[in-house]
Amino acid sequence: MTPESNPHPSQDPATDPPAAVDPAAGPAATAPLPPVGPPPGWAAAQPVPPAPGYAPRPAEPSAQAGWVIAAMILFWPTGIPALLASHRAARAIGAGDTAVAVQEGGTARRWGIVSVCVGAGLVLLSFLVSLAWVIFAAVAVQHYQDGGRWDDGPGWTQRSAPALPFDGSGPPDEQRRDGSSS
């Protein structure tokens, strides 16, 4: 086959070896092709509308394992119903019962959300109580370091009254509570 009889000489490897580059074409002839994909400036994941006449395919049922794991970590008392519903959803998925799987997956998700909310509330409450204890301890230490005594409260004890013994016999003869001796 001669180059004149071949209508596409670039498809014949015998007559057009890859090493033969046309010097007149320059570097543009050997430049790589641009990457295949959406044009620059487009969002990476744009939803594709369904074709006319076709309904969108319903989502696959799920056992909501992520919500169940979060529920068991944050607040297990409401995580247990989420776990049980998740098992029922997984069993229904395995049996091919989509309606039951969707229903039980929704139940597992709801219990998981309840558990996460309650657990987050308890974590926040625990943080606030811990903060209150730290503030209380700091105030108590500061009060003690300033020379305050623990018994200088608002009149809890009467310092001028004599100390009476427990047997009711009267004040001790040698010393009274205020430090004066009789």
Protein backbone atom coordinates (compact mmCIF):
# COMPACT_ATOMS: atom_id res chain seq x y z
CA MET A 1 0.00 0.00 0.00
CA THR A 2 1.42 3.34 -1.00
CA PRO A 3 0.74 6.61 0.74
CA GLU A 4 -1.18 7.82 -2.30
CA SER A 5 -3.63 4.87 -2.18
CA ASN A 6 -4.20 5.07 1.61
CA PRO A 7 -6.85 7.73 2.29
CA HIS A 8 -5.81 7.97 5.97
CA PRO A 9 -2.04 7.87 6.11
CA SER A 10 -1.94 8.57 9.87
CA GLN A 11 -3.72 5.24 10.51
CA ASP A 12 -1.08 3.18 8.71
CA PRO A 13 1.75 2.47 11.20
CA ALA A 14 4.11 1.34 8.44
CA THR A 15 4.03 4.63 6.56
CA ASP A 16 3.52 7.01 9.52
CA PRO A 17 5.77 6.03 12.39
CA PRO A 18 5.11 7.86 15.69
CA ALA A 19 8.66 9.27 15.77
CA ALA A 20 8.10 11.27 12.59
CA VAL A 21 6.91 14.69 13.71
CA ASP A 22 6.18 17.47 11.29
CA PRO A 23 8.57 20.31 12.20
CA ALA A 24 6.18 22.86 10.69
CA ALA A 25 3.43 21.83 13.13
CA GLY A 26 5.61 22.72 16.16
CA PRO A 27 4.95 21.76 19.77
CA ALA A 28 1.16 22.13 19.42
CA ALA A 29 1.02 18.85 17.49
CA THR A 30 2.53 16.91 20.41
CA ALA A 31 0.65 18.72 23.24
CA PRO A 32 -1.52 16.48 25.45
CA LEU A 33 -5.28 16.59 25.15
CA PRO A 34 -7.24 18.58 27.77
CA PRO A 35 -8.78 16.55 30.60
CA VAL A 36 -12.28 15.21 30.13
CA GLY A 37 -14.87 16.61 32.51
CA PRO A 38 -17.09 19.59 33.14
CA PRO A 39 -15.88 22.99 32.01
CA PRO A 40 -14.08 25.15 34.58
CA GLY A 41 -16.41 27.05 36.87
CA TRP A 42 -19.04 24.33 37.06
CA ALA A 43 -19.86 22.71 40.36
CA ALA A 44 -18.46 19.22 40.68
CA ALA A 45 -21.73 17.49 41.54
CA GLN A 46 -24.72 18.98 39.82
CA PRO A 47 -27.96 17.01 40.06
CA VAL A 48 -29.17 15.53 36.85
CA PRO A 49 -32.91 16.03 36.33
CA PRO A 50 -34.83 12.86 35.49
CA ALA A 51 -35.66 12.28 31.87
CA PRO A 52 -39.19 13.28 30.88
CA GLY A 53 -41.68 10.48 31.41
CA TYR A 54 -39.58 8.68 34.04
CA ALA A 55 -40.11 8.95 37.79
CA PRO A 56 -37.01 9.35 39.97
CA ARG A 57 -35.86 6.13 41.54
CA PRO A 58 -36.64 5.92 45.28
CA ALA A 59 -33.72 5.85 47.66
CA GLU A 60 -32.51 2.50 48.90
CA PRO A 61 -33.66 1.65 52.43
CA SER A 62 -31.00 1.88 55.11
CA ALA A 63 -30.52 0.43 58.57
CA GLN A 64 -29.21 3.83 59.81
CA ALA A 65 -26.09 2.33 61.39
CA GLY A 66 -24.42 5.73 61.88
CA TRP A 67 -27.26 7.11 63.97
CA VAL A 68 -27.37 3.90 66.00
CA ILE A 69 -23.65 4.07 66.77
CA ALA A 70 -23.92 7.72 67.82
CA ALA A 71 -26.99 6.88 69.93
CA MET A 72 -25.22 4.07 71.75
CA ILE A 73 -22.20 6.26 72.46
CA LEU A 74 -24.03 9.39 73.63
CA PHE A 75 -27.11 8.05 75.45
CA TRP A 76 -27.62 4.30 75.46
CA PRO A 77 -31.11 4.17 77.08
CA THR A 78 -32.68 5.57 73.92
CA GLY A 79 -29.96 3.99 71.80
CA ILE A 80 -31.37 0.52 72.54
CA PRO A 81 -34.68 1.12 70.67
CA ALA A 82 -32.62 2.60 67.81
CA LEU A 83 -30.46 -0.54 67.74
CA LEU A 84 -33.49 -2.84 67.74
CA ALA A 85 -35.20 -0.88 64.95
CA SER A 86 -31.97 -0.95 62.98
CA HIS A 87 -31.82 -4.74 63.28
CA ARG A 88 -35.42 -5.04 62.11
CA ALA A 89 -34.62 -2.75 59.15
CA ALA A 90 -31.56 -4.83 58.22
CA ARG A 91 -33.60 -8.03 58.43
CA ALA A 92 -36.29 -6.47 56.18
CA ILE A 93 -33.63 -5.31 53.69
CA GLY A 94 -32.28 -8.85 53.57
CA ALA A 95 -35.77 -10.23 53.00
CA GLY A 96 -36.48 -7.67 50.27
CA ASP A 97 -39.36 -6.03 52.14
CA THR A 98 -38.72 -2.41 51.19
CA ALA A 99 -41.75 -0.91 52.94
CA VAL A 100 -40.87 -2.40 56.34
CA ALA A 101 -37.19 -1.56 55.84
CA VAL A 102 -38.00 2.10 55.16
CA GLN A 103 -40.35 2.26 58.17
CA GLU A 104 -37.91 0.61 60.61
CA GLY A 105 -35.00 2.64 59.22
CA GLY A 106 -36.98 5.82 59.92
CA THR A 107 -37.72 4.60 63.45
CA ALA A 108 -34.03 3.87 64.05
CA ARG A 109 -33.12 7.31 62.72
CA ARG A 110 -35.64 9.07 64.98
CA TRP A 111 -34.42 7.22 68.08
CA GLY A 112 -30.84 7.99 67.07
CA ILE A 113 -31.61 11.70 66.77
CA VAL A 114 -33.34 11.67 70.18
CA SER A 115 -30.32 9.96 71.71
CA VAL A 116 -27.88 12.42 70.18
CA CYS A 117 -29.92 15.41 71.39
CA VAL A 118 -30.32 14.05 74.93
CA GLY A 119 -26.66 13.01 75.06
CA ALA A 120 -25.51 16.41 73.84
CA GLY A 121 -27.73 18.09 76.43
CA LEU A 122 -26.25 15.93 79.20
CA VAL A 123 -22.71 16.66 78.04
CA LEU A 124 -23.50 20.40 78.09
CA LEU A 125 -25.10 20.13 81.54
CA SER A 126 -22.09 18.21 82.82
CA PHE A 127 -19.78 20.90 81.48
CA LEU A 128 -21.78 23.68 83.14
CA VAL A 129 -21.89 21.87 86.49
CA SER A 130 -18.14 21.26 86.32
CA LEU A 131 -17.59 24.92 85.53
CA ALA A 132 -19.74 25.93 88.52
CA TRP A 133 -17.68 23.67 90.80
CA VAL A 134 -14.44 25.17 89.54
CA ILE A 135 -15.76 28.69 90.17
CA PHE A 136 -16.95 27.68 93.66
CA ALA A 137 -13.54 26.17 94.49
CA ALA A 138 -11.71 29.27 93.22
CA VAL A 139 -13.90 31.56 95.36
CA ALA A 140 -13.40 29.34 98.41
CA VAL A 141 -9.61 29.24 97.99
CA GLN A 142 -9.48 33.00 97.48
CA HIS A 143 -11.61 33.56 100.59
CA TYR A 144 -9.35 31.30 102.65
CA GLN A 145 -6.18 32.97 101.36
CA ASP A 146 -7.57 36.42 102.25
CA GLY A 147 -7.66 35.39 105.91
CA GLY A 148 -11.29 34.49 106.01
CA ARG A 149 -12.34 31.75 108.35
CA TRP A 150 -14.96 29.16 107.63
CA ASP A 151 -16.92 29.97 110.77
CA ASP A 152 -17.34 33.71 110.16
CA GLY A 153 -20.72 33.23 108.55
CA PRO A 154 -23.76 35.44 109.12
CA GLY A 155 -24.34 34.79 112.82
CA TRP A 156 -24.34 31.01 112.73
CA THR A 157 -22.64 30.85 116.10
CA GLN A 158 -22.85 33.16 119.08
CA ARG A 159 -19.28 33.93 120.05
CA SER A 160 -20.09 35.73 123.27
CA ALA A 161 -22.21 32.93 124.71
CA PRO A 162 -20.44 30.45 126.97
CA ALA A 163 -19.94 26.93 125.75
CA LEU A 164 -22.13 24.52 127.59
CA PRO A 165 -21.12 20.93 128.15
CA PHE A 166 -23.37 18.23 126.72
CA ASP A 167 -24.50 16.98 130.09
CA GLY A 168 -26.23 20.29 130.88
CA SER A 169 -24.36 20.97 134.09
CA GLY A 170 -23.46 24.51 133.11
CA PRO A 171 -20.38 26.34 131.80
CA PRO A 172 -16.96 25.00 132.64
CA ASP A 173 -15.38 26.76 135.58
CA GLU A 174 -11.93 27.39 134.23
CA GLN A 175 -12.62 28.91 130.78
CA ARG A 176 -15.48 30.29 128.75
CA ARG A 177 -15.78 30.12 125.01
CA ASP A 178 -14.82 33.77 124.47
CA GLY A 179 -11.44 33.16 126.10
CA SER A 180 -12.07 34.83 129.42
CA SER A 181 -11.61 32.79 132.53
CA SER A 182 -14.02 32.97 135.42
